[in-house]
Amino acid sequence: MQGERVLEIGDYILVSRETVREAARQFGVSKSTVHKDLTERLPRINPQMAADVKHVLEYNKSERHIRGGEATRKKFLEREMQS
């Protein structure tokens, strides 16, 4: 069962290019579980998929400062609209 989840999460990340946070929300598990699945369990089950997923995770990590800035911008725009 755990192996199935690991593969499903790996496939989800590859197809959707979503973040660990989004994958955790989608599968109803913690971010820590998703991270452990993708970095520790997946390489033992499917090394090629693990390598591909690693690239997506590295890209998402490199872009997180941009997403964080966008979230802050959106928050302040919403506050401005409510005033």
N, C-alpha and C. Protein backbone atom coordinates (compact mmCIF):
# COMPACT_ATOMS: atom_id res chain seq x y z
N MET A 1 0.83 -1.20 0.00
CA MET A 1 0.00 0.00 0.00
C MET A 1 0.87 1.26 0.00
N GLN A 2 1.89 1.28 0.87
CA GLN A 2 2.76 2.44 0.94
C GLN A 2 3.49 2.64 -0.40
N GLY A 3 3.92 1.54 -1.00
CA GLY A 3 4.61 1.62 -2.29
C GLY A 3 3.72 2.19 -3.37
N GLU A 4 2.44 1.85 -3.32
CA GLU A 4 1.50 2.39 -4.30
C GLU A 4 1.37 3.89 -4.14
N ARG A 5 1.27 4.35 -2.88
CA ARG A 5 1.16 5.79 -2.64
C ARG A 5 2.40 6.52 -3.14
N VAL A 6 3.56 5.95 -2.88
CA VAL A 6 4.81 6.58 -3.30
C VAL A 6 4.81 6.76 -4.81
N LEU A 7 4.43 5.73 -5.54
CA LEU A 7 4.39 5.81 -7.00
C LEU A 7 3.32 6.79 -7.48
N GLU A 8 2.17 6.80 -6.81
CA GLU A 8 1.11 7.72 -7.19
C GLU A 8 1.54 9.17 -6.98
N ILE A 9 2.17 9.43 -5.85
CA ILE A 9 2.64 10.80 -5.58
C ILE A 9 3.73 11.19 -6.58
N GLY A 10 4.64 10.27 -6.86
CA GLY A 10 5.68 10.55 -7.85
C GLY A 10 5.09 10.87 -9.21
N ASP A 11 4.12 10.08 -9.62
CA ASP A 11 3.46 10.33 -10.91
C ASP A 11 2.72 11.66 -10.89
N TYR A 12 2.06 11.96 -9.79
CA TYR A 12 1.33 13.23 -9.66
C TYR A 12 2.28 14.42 -9.81
N ILE A 13 3.43 14.36 -9.16
CA ILE A 13 4.41 15.44 -9.23
C ILE A 13 4.91 15.61 -10.66
N LEU A 14 5.18 14.49 -11.34
CA LEU A 14 5.69 14.56 -12.71
C LEU A 14 4.66 15.14 -13.68
N VAL A 15 3.42 14.77 -13.51
CA VAL A 15 2.38 15.22 -14.43
C VAL A 15 1.97 16.67 -14.13
N SER A 16 1.74 16.96 -12.86
CA SER A 16 1.19 18.27 -12.50
C SER A 16 2.26 19.34 -12.27
N ARG A 17 3.50 18.91 -11.97
CA ARG A 17 4.60 19.83 -11.64
C ARG A 17 4.29 20.63 -10.37
N GLU A 18 3.40 20.12 -9.54
CA GLU A 18 2.99 20.79 -8.32
C GLU A 18 4.07 20.68 -7.25
N THR A 19 3.88 21.44 -6.18
CA THR A 19 4.80 21.46 -5.05
C THR A 19 4.50 20.30 -4.10
N VAL A 20 5.42 20.07 -3.18
CA VAL A 20 5.23 19.06 -2.14
C VAL A 20 3.98 19.41 -1.33
N ARG A 21 3.78 20.67 -1.04
CA ARG A 21 2.62 21.12 -0.27
C ARG A 21 1.31 20.75 -0.99
N GLU A 22 1.26 21.00 -2.29
CA GLU A 22 0.05 20.67 -3.06
C GLU A 22 -0.16 19.16 -3.12
N ALA A 23 0.92 18.40 -3.29
CA ALA A 23 0.81 16.94 -3.32
C ALA A 23 0.30 16.42 -1.99
N ALA A 24 0.79 16.98 -0.90
CA ALA A 24 0.35 16.56 0.43
C ALA A 24 -1.15 16.82 0.59
N ARG A 25 -1.58 17.97 0.14
CA ARG A 25 -3.01 18.32 0.21
C ARG A 25 -3.83 17.34 -0.64
N GLN A 26 -3.35 17.05 -1.83
CA GLN A 26 -4.06 16.17 -2.76
C GLN A 26 -4.20 14.75 -2.21
N PHE A 27 -3.17 14.25 -1.53
CA PHE A 27 -3.17 12.87 -1.06
C PHE A 27 -3.54 12.72 0.41
N GLY A 28 -3.79 13.83 1.08
CA GLY A 28 -4.23 13.78 2.46
C GLY A 28 -3.17 13.29 3.43
N VAL A 29 -1.92 13.62 3.15
CA VAL A 29 -0.81 13.27 4.05
C VAL A 29 -0.02 14.54 4.33
N SER A 30 0.94 14.44 5.24
CA SER A 30 1.74 15.61 5.60
C SER A 30 2.82 15.89 4.54
N LYS A 31 3.31 17.11 4.57
CA LYS A 31 4.42 17.48 3.68
C LYS A 31 5.63 16.61 3.97
N SER A 32 5.85 16.31 5.26
CA SER A 32 6.98 15.46 5.64
C SER A 32 6.87 14.08 5.03
N THR A 33 5.66 13.53 5.01
CA THR A 33 5.44 12.21 4.43
C THR A 33 5.72 12.24 2.93
N VAL A 34 5.22 13.26 2.25
CA VAL A 34 5.46 13.37 0.81
C VAL A 34 6.95 13.50 0.54
N HIS A 35 7.62 14.34 1.30
CA HIS A 35 9.05 14.54 1.09
C HIS A 35 9.82 13.23 1.32
N LYS A 36 9.48 12.52 2.38
CA LYS A 36 10.16 11.26 2.67
C LYS A 36 9.85 10.23 1.58
N ASP A 37 8.60 10.18 1.13
CA ASP A 37 8.24 9.28 0.04
C ASP A 37 9.08 9.54 -1.20
N LEU A 38 9.23 10.81 -1.54
CA LEU A 38 9.89 11.17 -2.80
C LEU A 38 11.41 11.11 -2.72
N THR A 39 11.98 11.37 -1.56
CA THR A 39 13.44 11.42 -1.47
C THR A 39 14.08 10.14 -0.93
N GLU A 40 13.32 9.36 -0.16
CA GLU A 40 13.89 8.14 0.42
C GLU A 40 13.27 6.86 -0.14
N ARG A 41 11.96 6.83 -0.22
CA ARG A 41 11.29 5.59 -0.63
C ARG A 41 11.27 5.40 -2.14
N LEU A 42 10.98 6.47 -2.88
CA LEU A 42 10.87 6.37 -4.33
C LEU A 42 12.18 5.89 -4.99
N PRO A 43 13.35 6.36 -4.57
CA PRO A 43 14.58 5.87 -5.21
C PRO A 43 14.77 4.35 -5.08
N ARG A 44 14.26 3.76 -4.00
CA ARG A 44 14.37 2.31 -3.84
C ARG A 44 13.37 1.56 -4.72
N ILE A 45 12.23 2.20 -5.00
CA ILE A 45 11.18 1.56 -5.77
C ILE A 45 11.38 1.77 -7.27
N ASN A 46 11.67 3.01 -7.66
CA ASN A 46 11.80 3.36 -9.08
C ASN A 46 12.86 4.47 -9.22
N PRO A 47 14.12 4.09 -9.37
CA PRO A 47 15.19 5.10 -9.42
C PRO A 47 15.05 6.13 -10.55
N GLN A 48 14.56 5.70 -11.71
CA GLN A 48 14.42 6.65 -12.82
C GLN A 48 13.35 7.69 -12.51
N MET A 49 12.20 7.25 -11.99
CA MET A 49 11.15 8.20 -11.62
C MET A 49 11.66 9.14 -10.53
N ALA A 50 12.42 8.60 -9.59
CA ALA A 50 12.97 9.42 -8.50
C ALA A 50 13.86 10.52 -9.05
N ALA A 51 14.67 10.20 -10.04
CA ALA A 51 15.55 11.20 -10.65
C ALA A 51 14.73 12.29 -11.34
N ASP A 52 13.68 11.88 -12.04
CA ASP A 52 12.81 12.85 -12.72
C ASP A 52 12.07 13.74 -11.71
N VAL A 53 11.58 13.13 -10.65
CA VAL A 53 10.87 13.89 -9.61
C VAL A 53 11.84 14.86 -8.94
N LYS A 54 13.06 14.44 -8.73
CA LYS A 54 14.06 15.30 -8.09
C LYS A 54 14.25 16.59 -8.88
N HIS A 55 14.23 16.50 -10.20
CA HIS A 55 14.37 17.70 -11.03
C HIS A 55 13.20 18.64 -10.81
N VAL A 56 11.99 18.10 -10.73
CA VAL A 56 10.81 18.93 -10.49
C VAL A 56 10.91 19.59 -9.12
N LEU A 57 11.30 18.83 -8.10
CA LEU A 57 11.41 19.39 -6.76
C LEU A 57 12.48 20.48 -6.70
N GLU A 58 13.59 20.27 -7.38
CA GLU A 58 14.64 21.29 -7.41
C GLU A 58 14.17 22.55 -8.12
N TYR A 59 13.43 22.39 -9.21
CA TYR A 59 12.88 23.55 -9.91
C TYR A 59 11.92 24.31 -9.00
N ASN A 60 11.01 23.57 -8.35
CA ASN A 60 10.05 24.22 -7.45
C ASN A 60 10.76 24.96 -6.33
N LYS A 61 11.82 24.36 -5.81
CA LYS A 61 12.58 25.01 -4.74
C LYS A 61 13.23 26.29 -5.24
N SER A 62 13.73 26.27 -6.47
CA SER A 62 14.38 27.46 -7.01
C SER A 62 13.38 28.58 -7.27
N GLU A 63 12.12 28.23 -7.43
CA GLU A 63 11.08 29.23 -7.74
C GLU A 63 10.28 29.67 -6.52
N ARG A 64 10.54 29.09 -5.36
CA ARG A 64 9.67 29.36 -4.22
C ARG A 64 9.69 30.81 -3.77
N HIS A 65 10.79 31.50 -3.94
CA HIS A 65 10.82 32.91 -3.55
C HIS A 65 9.87 33.74 -4.42
N ILE A 66 9.69 33.32 -5.65
CA ILE A 66 8.77 34.02 -6.55
C ILE A 66 7.33 33.76 -6.14
N ARG A 67 7.01 32.47 -5.85
CA ARG A 67 5.66 32.14 -5.41
C ARG A 67 5.32 32.83 -4.10
N GLY A 68 6.29 32.91 -3.20
CA GLY A 68 6.06 33.59 -1.92
C GLY A 68 5.78 35.06 -2.12
N GLY A 69 6.52 35.69 -3.01
CA GLY A 69 6.29 37.10 -3.31
C GLY A 69 4.93 37.32 -3.94
N GLU A 70 4.51 36.43 -4.81
CA GLU A 70 3.20 36.54 -5.44
C GLU A 70 2.08 36.38 -4.42
N ALA A 71 2.26 35.46 -3.47
CA ALA A 71 1.25 35.25 -2.44
C ALA A 71 1.10 36.51 -1.58
N THR A 72 2.22 37.13 -1.24
CA THR A 72 2.18 38.35 -0.44
C THR A 72 1.50 39.47 -1.22
N ARG A 73 1.85 39.59 -2.48
CA ARG A 73 1.24 40.62 -3.34
C ARG A 73 -0.27 40.42 -3.42
N LYS A 74 -0.69 39.18 -3.62
CA LYS A 74 -2.12 38.87 -3.72
C LYS A 74 -2.83 39.20 -2.42
N LYS A 75 -2.20 38.87 -1.29
CA LYS A 75 -2.81 39.13 0.01
C LYS A 75 -3.06 40.62 0.20
N PHE A 76 -2.06 41.45 -0.13
CA PHE A 76 -2.22 42.88 0.05
C PHE A 76 -3.21 43.48 -0.94
N LEU A 77 -3.28 42.95 -2.15
CA LEU A 77 -4.28 43.42 -3.10
C LEU A 77 -5.69 43.09 -2.63
N GLU A 78 -5.87 41.90 -2.05
CA GLU A 78 -7.18 41.53 -1.52
C GLU A 78 -7.58 42.42 -0.35
N ARG A 79 -6.63 42.74 0.50
CA ARG A 79 -6.91 43.63 1.64
C ARG A 79 -7.30 45.02 1.12
N GLU A 80 -6.61 45.47 0.08
CA GLU A 80 -6.89 46.78 -0.49
C GLU A 80 -8.30 46.82 -1.09
N MET A 81 -8.69 45.74 -1.72
CA MET A 81 -10.02 45.67 -2.35
C MET A 81 -11.13 45.69 -1.29
N GLN A 82 -10.86 45.11 -0.11
CA GLN A 82 -11.86 45.04 0.95
C GLN A 82 -12.02 46.38 1.66
N SER A 83 -11.03 47.23 1.57
CA SER A 83 -11.09 48.52 2.27
C SER A 83 -11.95 49.52 1.56
